[in-house]
Amino acid sequence: MLFNLLNLPYWIFLGMGILLFLVVIVSGGGDDDFDIDADADADVDADGDFAMGSMFSFLGVGKVPLILLLATDCCLVGAFGWMINVAIANVTGTIPTGLFGGVVGGASLLLSLFSGSLISRPLGKIFAAFGEDTSGDRLIGCQGTVSTTSIPLESQGKIGQVDVIDPSGNLVTINATLPQWAKVIPNRGNYVLVIERQPESYRVITKDSSDQQQWLSNSPQLKDSP
């Protein structure tokens, strides 16, 4: 049953996924050339556009490099389809064909889209590590989203975490603190701006806040402040 020709479509999907993963590795993490605007203040022309954007976001589009998402989904379509066919064949003695085979294919696709959106995100972080510039300065000026409850001030001796898309489109999770002069505390889901690299973390400030305006106006003096 394993190498039955009826399983050939699923082996093709699996092979395509493996090839795409190889491309991701060679390219150092892949590029995300289709991004959903994550700005919470973005204008939406119609409810249908919002629903479509939400659906793409749920499936992982715009959250990880697109080629990595495709690689994951293709591998999962192949794996799920093959496993379902084998499971059915073990019970009935034959691999499903015709309409029943189409149902198996549709189920495999739905399972792969849902699972791929979950699996590709941690994979994106792993592959991003291979493609990272040795200098973390590449993240300076990048926008991030707070993934912990909040970001603490440096003086508190704690750190928070921020998900940042670097200039190459890689999703990177970094440790972050606020500079001591910051007045606005960002919470989970808020946008922050990476302004400086520290030995064990990055300094960030709340995006589009009074802290950002102060930084832009007085960055030379503020960088030297404790």
N, C-alpha and C. Protein backbone atom coordinates (compact mmCIF):
# COMPACT_ATOMS: atom_id res chain seq x y z
N MET A 1 0.82 -1.21 0.00
CA MET A 1 0.00 0.00 0.00
C MET A 1 0.86 1.27 0.00
N LEU A 2 2.04 1.15 0.57
CA LEU A 2 2.89 2.33 0.73
C LEU A 2 3.24 2.97 -0.60
N PHE A 3 3.61 2.13 -1.60
CA PHE A 3 4.05 2.66 -2.88
C PHE A 3 3.02 2.45 -3.98
N ASN A 4 1.77 2.29 -3.60
CA ASN A 4 0.69 2.17 -4.57
C ASN A 4 0.62 3.45 -5.41
N LEU A 5 0.38 3.30 -6.72
CA LEU A 5 0.33 4.46 -7.61
C LEU A 5 -0.77 5.45 -7.23
N LEU A 6 -1.79 4.97 -6.51
CA LEU A 6 -2.85 5.88 -6.08
C LEU A 6 -2.35 6.89 -5.05
N ASN A 7 -1.21 6.58 -4.44
CA ASN A 7 -0.60 7.52 -3.48
C ASN A 7 0.36 8.49 -4.17
N LEU A 8 0.56 8.34 -5.49
CA LEU A 8 1.52 9.16 -6.21
C LEU A 8 1.29 10.67 -6.04
N PRO A 9 0.02 11.17 -6.12
CA PRO A 9 -0.17 12.62 -5.93
C PRO A 9 0.37 13.12 -4.59
N TYR A 10 0.21 12.30 -3.56
CA TYR A 10 0.67 12.73 -2.23
C TYR A 10 2.19 12.68 -2.13
N TRP A 11 2.80 11.71 -2.81
CA TRP A 11 4.26 11.69 -2.84
C TRP A 11 4.80 12.90 -3.61
N ILE A 12 4.08 13.31 -4.65
CA ILE A 12 4.51 14.50 -5.41
C ILE A 12 4.44 15.74 -4.52
N PHE A 13 3.34 15.89 -3.76
CA PHE A 13 3.24 17.03 -2.84
C PHE A 13 4.37 17.00 -1.82
N LEU A 14 4.65 15.81 -1.29
CA LEU A 14 5.71 15.68 -0.30
C LEU A 14 7.06 16.06 -0.89
N GLY A 15 7.32 15.61 -2.13
CA GLY A 15 8.57 15.96 -2.80
C GLY A 15 8.69 17.45 -3.06
N MET A 16 7.56 18.08 -3.47
CA MET A 16 7.57 19.53 -3.69
C MET A 16 7.89 20.28 -2.40
N GLY A 17 7.29 19.81 -1.30
CA GLY A 17 7.55 20.46 -0.01
C GLY A 17 9.00 20.36 0.40
N ILE A 18 9.60 19.18 0.19
CA ILE A 18 11.01 18.99 0.54
C ILE A 18 11.90 19.90 -0.30
N LEU A 19 11.59 19.99 -1.61
CA LEU A 19 12.37 20.88 -2.48
C LEU A 19 12.28 22.33 -2.04
N LEU A 20 11.06 22.75 -1.65
CA LEU A 20 10.89 24.13 -1.19
C LEU A 20 11.66 24.38 0.11
N PHE A 21 11.70 23.37 0.99
CA PHE A 21 12.48 23.51 2.22
C PHE A 21 13.97 23.68 1.89
N LEU A 22 14.43 22.95 0.88
CA LEU A 22 15.83 23.09 0.46
C LEU A 22 16.09 24.50 -0.06
N VAL A 23 15.11 25.05 -0.80
CA VAL A 23 15.25 26.43 -1.29
C VAL A 23 15.33 27.40 -0.12
N VAL A 24 14.49 27.17 0.91
CA VAL A 24 14.49 28.03 2.09
C VAL A 24 15.85 27.99 2.77
N ILE A 25 16.41 26.79 2.90
CA ILE A 25 17.71 26.64 3.57
C ILE A 25 18.80 27.35 2.78
N VAL A 26 18.81 27.15 1.46
CA VAL A 26 19.84 27.76 0.61
C VAL A 26 19.72 29.28 0.61
N SER A 27 18.47 29.78 0.64
CA SER A 27 18.26 31.23 0.58
C SER A 27 18.40 31.90 1.93
N GLY A 28 18.64 31.10 2.97
CA GLY A 28 18.86 31.67 4.29
C GLY A 28 17.60 32.11 4.99
N GLY A 29 16.49 31.43 4.76
CA GLY A 29 15.27 31.75 5.50
C GLY A 29 14.11 32.10 4.61
N GLY A 30 14.38 32.44 3.34
CA GLY A 30 13.29 32.73 2.41
C GLY A 30 12.81 34.16 2.51
N ASP A 31 12.08 34.60 1.51
CA ASP A 31 11.52 35.95 1.48
C ASP A 31 10.02 35.85 1.48
N ASP A 32 9.38 36.71 2.21
CA ASP A 32 7.93 36.74 2.23
C ASP A 32 7.45 37.83 1.30
N ASP A 33 7.06 37.43 0.07
CA ASP A 33 6.68 38.44 -0.91
C ASP A 33 5.18 38.69 -0.94
N PHE A 34 4.45 38.14 0.00
CA PHE A 34 3.02 38.42 0.10
C PHE A 34 2.72 38.66 1.56
N ASP A 35 2.52 39.91 1.94
CA ASP A 35 2.35 40.26 3.34
C ASP A 35 1.01 40.90 3.57
N ILE A 36 0.35 40.45 4.63
CA ILE A 36 -0.91 41.07 5.05
C ILE A 36 -0.58 42.20 6.01
N ASP A 37 -1.11 43.38 5.77
CA ASP A 37 -0.85 44.53 6.63
C ASP A 37 -1.36 44.26 8.02
N ALA A 38 -0.44 44.27 9.00
CA ALA A 38 -0.82 43.94 10.36
C ALA A 38 -1.16 45.16 11.19
N ASP A 39 -1.14 46.33 10.60
CA ASP A 39 -1.43 47.56 11.33
C ASP A 39 -2.87 47.57 11.79
N ALA A 40 -3.06 47.67 13.09
CA ALA A 40 -4.41 47.63 13.65
C ALA A 40 -5.23 48.82 13.21
N ASP A 41 -4.56 49.90 12.76
CA ASP A 41 -5.29 51.10 12.36
C ASP A 41 -5.52 51.18 10.85
N ALA A 42 -5.18 50.11 10.14
CA ALA A 42 -5.32 50.13 8.68
C ALA A 42 -6.78 50.26 8.29
N ASP A 43 -7.03 51.01 7.21
CA ASP A 43 -8.39 51.17 6.73
C ASP A 43 -8.81 49.95 5.95
N VAL A 44 -10.06 49.53 6.09
CA VAL A 44 -10.61 48.40 5.38
C VAL A 44 -11.78 48.90 4.55
N ASP A 45 -11.72 48.62 3.24
CA ASP A 45 -12.74 49.14 2.35
C ASP A 45 -14.09 48.46 2.54
N ALA A 46 -14.05 47.16 2.91
CA ALA A 46 -15.30 46.42 3.03
C ALA A 46 -15.12 45.28 3.99
N ASP A 47 -16.28 44.80 4.52
CA ASP A 47 -16.22 43.68 5.45
C ASP A 47 -15.62 42.46 4.77
N GLY A 48 -15.88 42.28 3.48
CA GLY A 48 -15.34 41.14 2.76
C GLY A 48 -13.83 41.17 2.71
N ASP A 49 -13.25 42.38 2.52
CA ASP A 49 -11.80 42.50 2.50
C ASP A 49 -11.23 42.15 3.86
N PHE A 50 -11.90 42.59 4.92
CA PHE A 50 -11.41 42.30 6.27
C PHE A 50 -11.46 40.80 6.54
N ALA A 51 -12.56 40.16 6.12
CA ALA A 51 -12.69 38.72 6.34
C ALA A 51 -11.63 37.95 5.57
N MET A 52 -11.36 38.39 4.33
CA MET A 52 -10.34 37.72 3.53
C MET A 52 -8.96 37.88 4.17
N GLY A 53 -8.65 39.09 4.63
CA GLY A 53 -7.37 39.32 5.28
C GLY A 53 -7.23 38.50 6.55
N SER A 54 -8.33 38.39 7.33
CA SER A 54 -8.30 37.60 8.55
C SER A 54 -8.08 36.13 8.25
N MET A 55 -8.70 35.65 7.17
CA MET A 55 -8.53 34.25 6.81
C MET A 55 -7.09 33.96 6.41
N PHE A 56 -6.50 34.84 5.57
CA PHE A 56 -5.11 34.64 5.17
C PHE A 56 -4.19 34.68 6.39
N SER A 57 -4.46 35.61 7.29
CA SER A 57 -3.65 35.72 8.50
C SER A 57 -3.76 34.47 9.34
N PHE A 58 -4.97 33.92 9.46
CA PHE A 58 -5.19 32.68 10.23
C PHE A 58 -4.41 31.52 9.63
N LEU A 59 -4.32 31.50 8.29
CA LEU A 59 -3.60 30.41 7.62
C LEU A 59 -2.09 30.61 7.65
N GLY A 60 -1.64 31.72 8.21
CA GLY A 60 -0.20 31.94 8.36
C GLY A 60 0.40 32.88 7.35
N VAL A 61 -0.38 33.34 6.36
CA VAL A 61 0.15 34.25 5.35
C VAL A 61 0.48 35.60 6.00
N GLY A 62 1.69 36.08 5.78
CA GLY A 62 2.12 37.33 6.38
C GLY A 62 2.76 37.14 7.74
N LYS A 63 2.66 35.92 8.30
CA LYS A 63 3.27 35.64 9.60
C LYS A 63 4.65 35.03 9.46
N VAL A 64 4.87 34.32 8.37
CA VAL A 64 6.16 33.69 8.09
C VAL A 64 6.44 33.88 6.60
N PRO A 65 7.71 33.68 6.17
CA PRO A 65 7.99 33.75 4.73
C PRO A 65 7.06 32.83 3.94
N LEU A 66 6.52 33.33 2.85
CA LEU A 66 5.52 32.58 2.09
C LEU A 66 6.06 31.25 1.59
N ILE A 67 7.32 31.22 1.15
CA ILE A 67 7.89 29.98 0.62
C ILE A 67 7.97 28.92 1.71
N LEU A 68 8.23 29.35 2.96
CA LEU A 68 8.27 28.39 4.07
C LEU A 68 6.88 27.85 4.36
N LEU A 69 5.87 28.72 4.28
CA LEU A 69 4.49 28.28 4.49
C LEU A 69 4.08 27.27 3.42
N LEU A 70 4.43 27.55 2.16
CA LEU A 70 4.10 26.63 1.07
C LEU A 70 4.81 25.29 1.25
N ALA A 71 6.07 25.34 1.66
CA ALA A 71 6.83 24.11 1.87
C ALA A 71 6.17 23.25 2.95
N THR A 72 5.77 23.89 4.04
CA THR A 72 5.12 23.17 5.13
C THR A 72 3.79 22.58 4.69
N ASP A 73 2.98 23.38 4.00
CA ASP A 73 1.66 22.90 3.57
C ASP A 73 1.78 21.75 2.57
N CYS A 74 2.72 21.84 1.63
CA CYS A 74 2.89 20.77 0.65
C CYS A 74 3.30 19.47 1.33
N CYS A 75 4.25 19.56 2.26
CA CYS A 75 4.67 18.36 2.98
C CYS A 75 3.51 17.74 3.76
N LEU A 76 2.71 18.60 4.38
CA LEU A 76 1.60 18.09 5.19
C LEU A 76 0.50 17.48 4.32
N VAL A 77 0.22 18.09 3.16
CA VAL A 77 -0.77 17.49 2.25
C VAL A 77 -0.33 16.08 1.88
N GLY A 78 0.95 15.95 1.52
CA GLY A 78 1.46 14.63 1.17
C GLY A 78 1.40 13.65 2.31
N ALA A 79 1.81 14.09 3.49
CA ALA A 79 1.84 13.19 4.64
C ALA A 79 0.44 12.79 5.09
N PHE A 80 -0.46 13.78 5.21
CA PHE A 80 -1.83 13.47 5.65
C PHE A 80 -2.55 12.58 4.64
N GLY A 81 -2.41 12.91 3.35
CA GLY A 81 -3.08 12.11 2.33
C GLY A 81 -2.62 10.66 2.35
N TRP A 82 -1.30 10.49 2.43
CA TRP A 82 -0.75 9.14 2.48
C TRP A 82 -1.22 8.39 3.72
N MET A 83 -1.18 9.04 4.88
CA MET A 83 -1.58 8.37 6.12
C MET A 83 -3.06 7.98 6.11
N ILE A 84 -3.91 8.88 5.60
CA ILE A 84 -5.34 8.57 5.54
C ILE A 84 -5.60 7.41 4.59
N ASN A 85 -4.94 7.42 3.43
CA ASN A 85 -5.11 6.33 2.48
C ASN A 85 -4.68 4.99 3.07
N VAL A 86 -3.55 4.98 3.74
CA VAL A 86 -3.04 3.75 4.34
C VAL A 86 -3.98 3.27 5.45
N ALA A 87 -4.47 4.22 6.25
CA ALA A 87 -5.38 3.84 7.34
C ALA A 87 -6.66 3.22 6.78
N ILE A 88 -7.21 3.82 5.73
CA ILE A 88 -8.44 3.28 5.12
C ILE A 88 -8.16 1.92 4.48
N ALA A 89 -7.01 1.81 3.81
CA ALA A 89 -6.66 0.55 3.15
C ALA A 89 -6.49 -0.58 4.16
N ASN A 90 -5.97 -0.27 5.34
CA ASN A 90 -5.81 -1.30 6.37
C ASN A 90 -7.15 -1.83 6.86
N VAL A 91 -8.21 -1.00 6.73
CA VAL A 91 -9.53 -1.42 7.17
C VAL A 91 -10.31 -2.10 6.04
N THR A 92 -10.28 -1.48 4.85
CA THR A 92 -11.11 -1.96 3.74
C THR A 92 -10.35 -2.87 2.77
N GLY A 93 -9.03 -2.81 2.81
CA GLY A 93 -8.23 -3.60 1.90
C GLY A 93 -7.90 -2.90 0.60
N THR A 94 -8.48 -1.73 0.36
CA THR A 94 -8.21 -0.98 -0.87
C THR A 94 -8.06 0.51 -0.56
N ILE A 95 -7.29 1.18 -1.40
CA ILE A 95 -7.13 2.63 -1.28
C ILE A 95 -8.32 3.31 -1.94
N PRO A 96 -8.93 4.30 -1.31
CA PRO A 96 -10.12 4.96 -1.87
C PRO A 96 -9.84 5.63 -3.20
N THR A 97 -10.80 5.54 -4.11
CA THR A 97 -10.70 6.17 -5.42
C THR A 97 -11.98 6.94 -5.71
N GLY A 98 -12.02 7.64 -6.84
CA GLY A 98 -13.21 8.35 -7.24
C GLY A 98 -13.61 9.43 -6.27
N LEU A 99 -14.91 9.50 -5.98
CA LEU A 99 -15.43 10.52 -5.08
C LEU A 99 -14.85 10.38 -3.68
N PHE A 100 -14.73 9.16 -3.21
CA PHE A 100 -14.17 8.92 -1.89
C PHE A 100 -12.71 9.38 -1.83
N GLY A 101 -11.98 9.15 -2.93
CA GLY A 101 -10.60 9.62 -2.99
C GLY A 101 -10.52 11.13 -2.98
N GLY A 102 -11.51 11.78 -3.63
CA GLY A 102 -11.55 13.24 -3.61
C GLY A 102 -11.81 13.78 -2.21
N VAL A 103 -12.66 13.08 -1.46
CA VAL A 103 -12.93 13.47 -0.08
C VAL A 103 -11.66 13.38 0.76
N VAL A 104 -10.90 12.31 0.53
CA VAL A 104 -9.62 12.16 1.25
C VAL A 104 -8.68 13.30 0.90
N GLY A 105 -8.63 13.67 -0.40
CA GLY A 105 -7.77 14.78 -0.81
C GLY A 105 -8.19 16.09 -0.19
N GLY A 106 -9.50 16.35 -0.16
CA GLY A 106 -9.99 17.59 0.45
C GLY A 106 -9.71 17.65 1.94
N ALA A 107 -9.89 16.51 2.61
CA ALA A 107 -9.61 16.45 4.05
C ALA A 107 -8.13 16.68 4.32
N SER A 108 -7.28 16.11 3.46
CA SER A 108 -5.83 16.30 3.62
C SER A 108 -5.45 17.76 3.45
N LEU A 109 -6.07 18.43 2.47
CA LEU A 109 -5.78 19.84 2.23
C LEU A 109 -6.19 20.71 3.41
N LEU A 110 -7.40 20.48 3.93
CA LEU A 110 -7.88 21.28 5.06
C LEU A 110 -7.01 21.07 6.29
N LEU A 111 -6.66 19.81 6.56
CA LEU A 111 -5.80 19.51 7.72
C LEU A 111 -4.43 20.17 7.57
N SER A 112 -3.90 20.15 6.34
CA SER A 112 -2.57 20.73 6.13
C SER A 112 -2.59 22.24 6.27
N LEU A 113 -3.65 22.90 5.80
CA LEU A 113 -3.72 24.36 5.91
C LEU A 113 -3.80 24.79 7.37
N PHE A 114 -4.60 24.07 8.15
CA PHE A 114 -4.73 24.41 9.57
C PHE A 114 -3.43 24.11 10.31
N SER A 115 -2.90 22.89 10.12
CA SER A 115 -1.68 22.50 10.82
C SER A 115 -0.48 23.31 10.35
N GLY A 116 -0.44 23.61 9.04
CA GLY A 116 0.69 24.37 8.51
C GLY A 116 0.80 25.75 9.10
N SER A 117 -0.36 26.39 9.36
CA SER A 117 -0.32 27.74 9.95
C SER A 117 0.27 27.72 11.35
N LEU A 118 0.12 26.59 12.05
CA LEU A 118 0.65 26.47 13.40
C LEU A 118 2.12 26.04 13.39
N ILE A 119 2.44 25.09 12.51
CA ILE A 119 3.79 24.54 12.49
C ILE A 119 4.79 25.50 11.86
N SER A 120 4.37 26.23 10.82
CA SER A 120 5.30 27.08 10.08
C SER A 120 5.84 28.23 10.93
N ARG A 121 5.10 28.66 11.94
CA ARG A 121 5.56 29.81 12.74
C ARG A 121 6.80 29.48 13.57
N PRO A 122 6.77 28.38 14.36
CA PRO A 122 8.03 28.03 15.04
C PRO A 122 9.14 27.64 14.08
N LEU A 123 8.77 27.02 12.93
CA LEU A 123 9.78 26.69 11.92
C LEU A 123 10.42 27.96 11.39
N GLY A 124 9.61 29.02 11.22
CA GLY A 124 10.14 30.29 10.74
C GLY A 124 11.22 30.83 11.65
N LYS A 125 11.02 30.67 12.95
CA LYS A 125 12.01 31.15 13.91
C LYS A 125 13.30 30.33 13.81
N ILE A 126 13.14 29.01 13.58
CA ILE A 126 14.31 28.15 13.46
C ILE A 126 15.11 28.49 12.20
N PHE A 127 14.40 28.61 11.06
CA PHE A 127 15.10 28.92 9.82
C PHE A 127 15.67 30.33 9.84
N ALA A 128 15.00 31.24 10.56
CA ALA A 128 15.52 32.60 10.65
C ALA A 128 16.89 32.63 11.30
N ALA A 129 17.11 31.70 12.24
CA ALA A 129 18.40 31.65 12.92
C ALA A 129 19.52 31.31 11.95
N PHE A 130 19.22 30.48 10.91
CA PHE A 130 20.23 30.14 9.92
C PHE A 130 20.56 31.33 9.03
N GLY A 131 19.55 32.17 8.79
CA GLY A 131 19.75 33.28 7.86
C GLY A 131 20.09 34.58 8.54
N GLU A 132 20.28 34.57 9.85
CA GLU A 132 20.53 35.81 10.57
C GLU A 132 21.87 36.41 10.24
N ASP A 133 21.88 37.71 10.12
CA ASP A 133 23.12 38.47 10.06
C ASP A 133 23.81 38.29 11.40
N THR A 134 25.14 38.12 11.41
CA THR A 134 25.84 37.93 12.67
C THR A 134 25.70 39.15 13.56
N SER A 135 25.42 40.29 13.00
CA SER A 135 25.23 41.50 13.77
C SER A 135 23.75 41.76 14.00
N GLY A 136 23.36 41.82 15.27
CA GLY A 136 21.96 42.08 15.59
C GLY A 136 21.54 43.51 15.29
N ASP A 137 22.50 44.34 14.81
CA ASP A 137 22.16 45.73 14.50
C ASP A 137 21.17 45.83 13.34
N ARG A 138 21.00 44.74 12.59
CA ARG A 138 20.06 44.77 11.47
C ARG A 138 18.63 44.99 11.94
N LEU A 139 18.36 44.73 13.22
CA LEU A 139 17.01 44.89 13.75
C LEU A 139 16.71 46.31 14.20
N ILE A 140 17.75 47.14 14.29
CA ILE A 140 17.55 48.52 14.74
C ILE A 140 16.64 49.24 13.74
N GLY A 141 15.59 49.84 14.24
CA GLY A 141 14.64 50.54 13.40
C GLY A 141 13.48 49.67 12.93
N CYS A 142 13.53 48.37 13.23
CA CYS A 142 12.45 47.47 12.82
C CYS A 142 11.28 47.54 13.79
N GLN A 143 10.10 47.26 13.28
CA GLN A 143 8.90 47.23 14.11
C GLN A 143 8.68 45.82 14.65
N GLY A 144 8.20 45.73 15.87
CA GLY A 144 7.92 44.44 16.48
C GLY A 144 6.59 44.45 17.20
N THR A 145 6.13 43.25 17.58
CA THR A 145 4.89 43.10 18.33
C THR A 145 5.19 42.43 19.66
N VAL A 146 4.72 43.00 20.74
CA VAL A 146 4.98 42.46 22.08
C VAL A 146 4.27 41.11 22.22
N SER A 147 5.02 40.07 22.59
CA SER A 147 4.46 38.73 22.73
C SER A 147 4.32 38.29 24.18
N THR A 148 4.88 39.06 25.11
CA THR A 148 4.71 38.78 26.53
C THR A 148 3.68 39.76 27.11
N THR A 149 3.41 39.62 28.40
CA THR A 149 2.38 40.47 29.02
C THR A 149 2.68 41.95 28.84
N SER A 150 3.94 42.32 29.02
CA SER A 150 4.36 43.70 28.82
C SER A 150 5.88 43.73 28.68
N ILE A 151 6.42 44.90 28.41
CA ILE A 151 7.88 45.08 28.34
C ILE A 151 8.30 45.92 29.54
N PRO A 152 9.19 45.40 30.39
CA PRO A 152 9.58 46.14 31.60
C PRO A 152 10.67 47.17 31.34
N LEU A 153 10.83 48.09 32.28
CA LEU A 153 11.93 49.03 32.24
C LEU A 153 13.23 48.31 32.59
N GLU A 154 14.34 48.83 32.10
CA GLU A 154 15.64 48.20 32.36
C GLU A 154 15.91 48.07 33.85
N SER A 155 15.51 49.05 34.62
CA SER A 155 15.81 49.06 36.05
C SER A 155 15.09 47.96 36.83
N GLN A 156 14.08 47.34 36.23
CA GLN A 156 13.33 46.31 36.92
C GLN A 156 14.05 44.96 36.94
N GLY A 157 15.10 44.84 36.16
CA GLY A 157 15.86 43.59 36.14
C GLY A 157 15.13 42.44 35.47
N LYS A 158 14.13 42.75 34.65
CA LYS A 158 13.38 41.71 33.94
C LYS A 158 13.46 41.99 32.44
N ILE A 159 12.99 41.02 31.66
CA ILE A 159 12.94 41.22 30.22
C ILE A 159 11.58 40.77 29.70
N GLY A 160 11.18 41.32 28.57
CA GLY A 160 10.01 40.86 27.86
C GLY A 160 10.45 40.31 26.51
N GLN A 161 9.49 39.92 25.69
CA GLN A 161 9.83 39.40 24.37
C GLN A 161 9.01 40.08 23.29
N VAL A 162 9.64 40.25 22.14
CA VAL A 162 9.01 40.93 21.00
C VAL A 162 9.26 40.11 19.74
N ASP A 163 8.22 39.95 18.93
CA ASP A 163 8.36 39.30 17.62
C ASP A 163 8.64 40.38 16.58
N VAL A 164 9.78 40.26 15.89
CA VAL A 164 10.22 41.28 14.94
C VAL A 164 10.41 40.64 13.56
N ILE A 165 9.97 41.33 12.52
CA ILE A 165 10.28 40.93 11.15
C ILE A 165 11.51 41.71 10.71
N ASP A 166 12.63 41.01 10.44
CA ASP A 166 13.86 41.72 10.07
C ASP A 166 13.81 42.16 8.61
N PRO A 167 14.79 42.94 8.15
CA PRO A 167 14.76 43.45 6.77
C PRO A 167 14.70 42.37 5.70
N SER A 168 15.08 41.13 6.03
CA SER A 168 15.03 40.03 5.06
C SER A 168 13.71 39.28 5.09
N GLY A 169 12.79 39.71 5.96
CA GLY A 169 11.49 39.05 6.05
C GLY A 169 11.46 37.90 7.02
N ASN A 170 12.53 37.70 7.80
CA ASN A 170 12.56 36.62 8.77
C ASN A 170 11.87 37.04 10.06
N LEU A 171 11.13 36.12 10.66
CA LEU A 171 10.49 36.37 11.94
C LEU A 171 11.46 36.01 13.05
N VAL A 172 11.79 36.98 13.90
CA VAL A 172 12.76 36.79 14.97
C VAL A 172 12.14 37.21 16.29
N THR A 173 12.28 36.38 17.31
CA THR A 173 11.82 36.73 18.66
C THR A 173 13.02 37.18 19.47
N ILE A 174 12.94 38.37 20.04
CA ILE A 174 14.06 38.94 20.79
C ILE A 174 13.65 39.27 22.21
N ASN A 175 14.65 39.28 23.10
CA ASN A 175 14.44 39.78 24.45
C ASN A 175 14.50 41.30 24.41
N ALA A 176 13.64 41.95 25.18
CA ALA A 176 13.55 43.40 25.08
C ALA A 176 13.26 44.04 26.43
N THR A 177 13.76 45.27 26.59
CA THR A 177 13.45 46.10 27.75
C THR A 177 13.20 47.53 27.26
N LEU A 178 12.60 48.34 28.12
CA LEU A 178 12.40 49.75 27.81
C LEU A 178 13.54 50.56 28.39
N PRO A 179 13.98 51.61 27.71
CA PRO A 179 14.97 52.51 28.31
C PRO A 179 14.37 53.17 29.55
N GLN A 180 15.23 53.56 30.45
CA GLN A 180 14.77 54.09 31.73
C GLN A 180 13.92 55.34 31.59
N TRP A 181 14.12 56.09 30.50
CA TRP A 181 13.37 57.34 30.32
C TRP A 181 12.00 57.13 29.69
N ALA A 182 11.69 55.91 29.29
CA ALA A 182 10.42 55.65 28.61
C ALA A 182 9.23 55.90 29.55
N LYS A 183 8.17 56.46 29.01
CA LYS A 183 6.97 56.77 29.78
C LYS A 183 5.78 55.86 29.44
N VAL A 184 5.81 55.28 28.24
CA VAL A 184 4.68 54.47 27.77
C VAL A 184 5.06 53.00 27.83
N ILE A 185 4.29 52.21 28.59
CA ILE A 185 4.56 50.78 28.74
C ILE A 185 3.74 49.99 27.72
N PRO A 186 4.38 49.30 26.77
CA PRO A 186 3.63 48.52 25.79
C PRO A 186 3.22 47.16 26.37
N ASN A 187 1.99 46.76 26.06
CA ASN A 187 1.48 45.47 26.51
C ASN A 187 1.39 44.49 25.35
N ARG A 188 0.96 43.27 25.66
CA ARG A 188 0.88 42.23 24.64
C ARG A 188 0.07 42.70 23.43
N GLY A 189 0.62 42.52 22.24
CA GLY A 189 -0.05 42.90 21.02
C GLY A 189 0.25 44.31 20.55
N ASN A 190 0.84 45.14 21.42
CA ASN A 190 1.19 46.51 21.02
C ASN A 190 2.43 46.49 20.12
N TYR A 191 2.54 47.51 19.28
CA TYR A 191 3.69 47.63 18.39
C TYR A 191 4.79 48.44 19.07
N VAL A 192 6.02 47.98 18.88
CA VAL A 192 7.18 48.68 19.43
C VAL A 192 8.21 48.89 18.33
N LEU A 193 9.15 49.77 18.59
CA LEU A 193 10.23 50.07 17.66
C LEU A 193 11.55 49.71 18.33
N VAL A 194 12.38 48.92 17.65
CA VAL A 194 13.69 48.55 18.19
C VAL A 194 14.65 49.71 17.97
N ILE A 195 15.24 50.22 19.06
CA ILE A 195 16.08 51.42 18.93
C ILE A 195 17.55 51.18 19.27
N GLU A 196 17.85 50.08 19.98
CA GLU A 196 19.25 49.90 20.37
C GLU A 196 19.48 48.45 20.80
N ARG A 197 20.68 47.97 20.53
CA ARG A 197 21.05 46.62 20.95
C ARG A 197 21.86 46.68 22.23
N GLN A 198 21.51 45.81 23.19
CA GLN A 198 22.24 45.67 24.44
C GLN A 198 22.89 44.28 24.46
N PRO A 199 23.82 44.03 25.39
CA PRO A 199 24.49 42.72 25.42
C PRO A 199 23.54 41.53 25.53
N GLU A 200 22.48 41.65 26.33
CA GLU A 200 21.58 40.53 26.56
C GLU A 200 20.17 40.75 26.01
N SER A 201 19.91 41.92 25.47
CA SER A 201 18.56 42.22 24.98
C SER A 201 18.61 43.43 24.06
N TYR A 202 17.43 43.88 23.66
CA TYR A 202 17.30 45.09 22.84
C TYR A 202 16.48 46.12 23.60
N ARG A 203 16.77 47.37 23.35
CA ARG A 203 15.93 48.45 23.85
C ARG A 203 14.83 48.71 22.83
N VAL A 204 13.63 48.85 23.32
CA VAL A 204 12.50 49.15 22.43
C VAL A 204 11.66 50.27 23.06
N ILE A 205 10.88 50.92 22.22
CA ILE A 205 9.92 51.92 22.69
C ILE A 205 8.60 51.70 21.98
N THR A 206 7.53 52.16 22.58
CA THR A 206 6.21 52.00 21.99
C THR A 206 6.11 52.81 20.70
N LYS A 207 5.66 52.16 19.65
CA LYS A 207 5.57 52.80 18.34
C LYS A 207 4.47 53.87 18.35
N ASP A 208 4.73 54.95 17.63
CA ASP A 208 3.78 56.05 17.48
C ASP A 208 3.34 56.63 18.83
N SER A 209 4.27 56.68 19.77
CA SER A 209 3.98 57.22 21.10
C SER A 209 4.82 58.47 21.33
N SER A 210 4.59 59.10 22.48
CA SER A 210 5.40 60.26 22.85
C SER A 210 6.87 59.86 23.03
N ASP A 211 7.11 58.60 23.44
CA ASP A 211 8.50 58.13 23.58
C ASP A 211 9.20 58.11 22.23
N GLN A 212 8.48 57.69 21.18
CA GLN A 212 9.09 57.67 19.86
C GLN A 212 9.42 59.08 19.39
N GLN A 213 8.51 60.02 19.64
CA GLN A 213 8.77 61.40 19.25
C GLN A 213 9.97 61.96 20.00
N GLN A 214 10.07 61.60 21.28
CA GLN A 214 11.20 62.07 22.08
C GLN A 214 12.51 61.47 21.57
N TRP A 215 12.46 60.19 21.20
CA TRP A 215 13.65 59.52 20.68
C TRP A 215 14.11 60.15 19.37
N LEU A 216 13.17 60.40 18.48
CA LEU A 216 13.52 60.98 17.19
C LEU A 216 14.09 62.39 17.35
N SER A 217 13.62 63.09 18.36
CA SER A 217 14.07 64.47 18.56
C SER A 217 15.41 64.56 19.31
N ASN A 218 15.66 63.58 20.19
CA ASN A 218 16.82 63.69 21.07
C ASN A 218 17.64 62.42 21.16
N SER A 219 17.66 61.64 20.09
CA SER A 219 18.32 60.34 20.15
C SER A 219 19.78 60.38 20.60
N PRO A 220 20.61 61.34 20.19
CA PRO A 220 22.01 61.33 20.65
C PRO A 220 22.10 61.42 22.16
N GLN A 221 21.28 62.29 22.77
CA GLN A 221 21.34 62.45 24.23
C GLN A 221 20.74 61.24 24.94
N LEU A 222 19.66 60.72 24.40
CA LEU A 222 18.97 59.62 25.07
C LEU A 222 19.77 58.34 25.02
N LYS A 223 20.51 58.11 23.93
CA LYS A 223 21.32 56.90 23.84
C LYS A 223 22.38 56.85 24.92
N ASP A 224 22.84 58.02 25.36
CA ASP A 224 23.89 58.08 26.38
C ASP A 224 23.33 58.04 27.79
N SER A 225 21.99 58.12 27.93
CA SER A 225 21.40 58.13 29.27
C SER A 225 21.38 56.75 29.85
N PRO A 226 21.45 56.59 31.21
CA PRO A 226 21.48 55.27 31.82
C PRO A 226 20.14 54.58 31.73
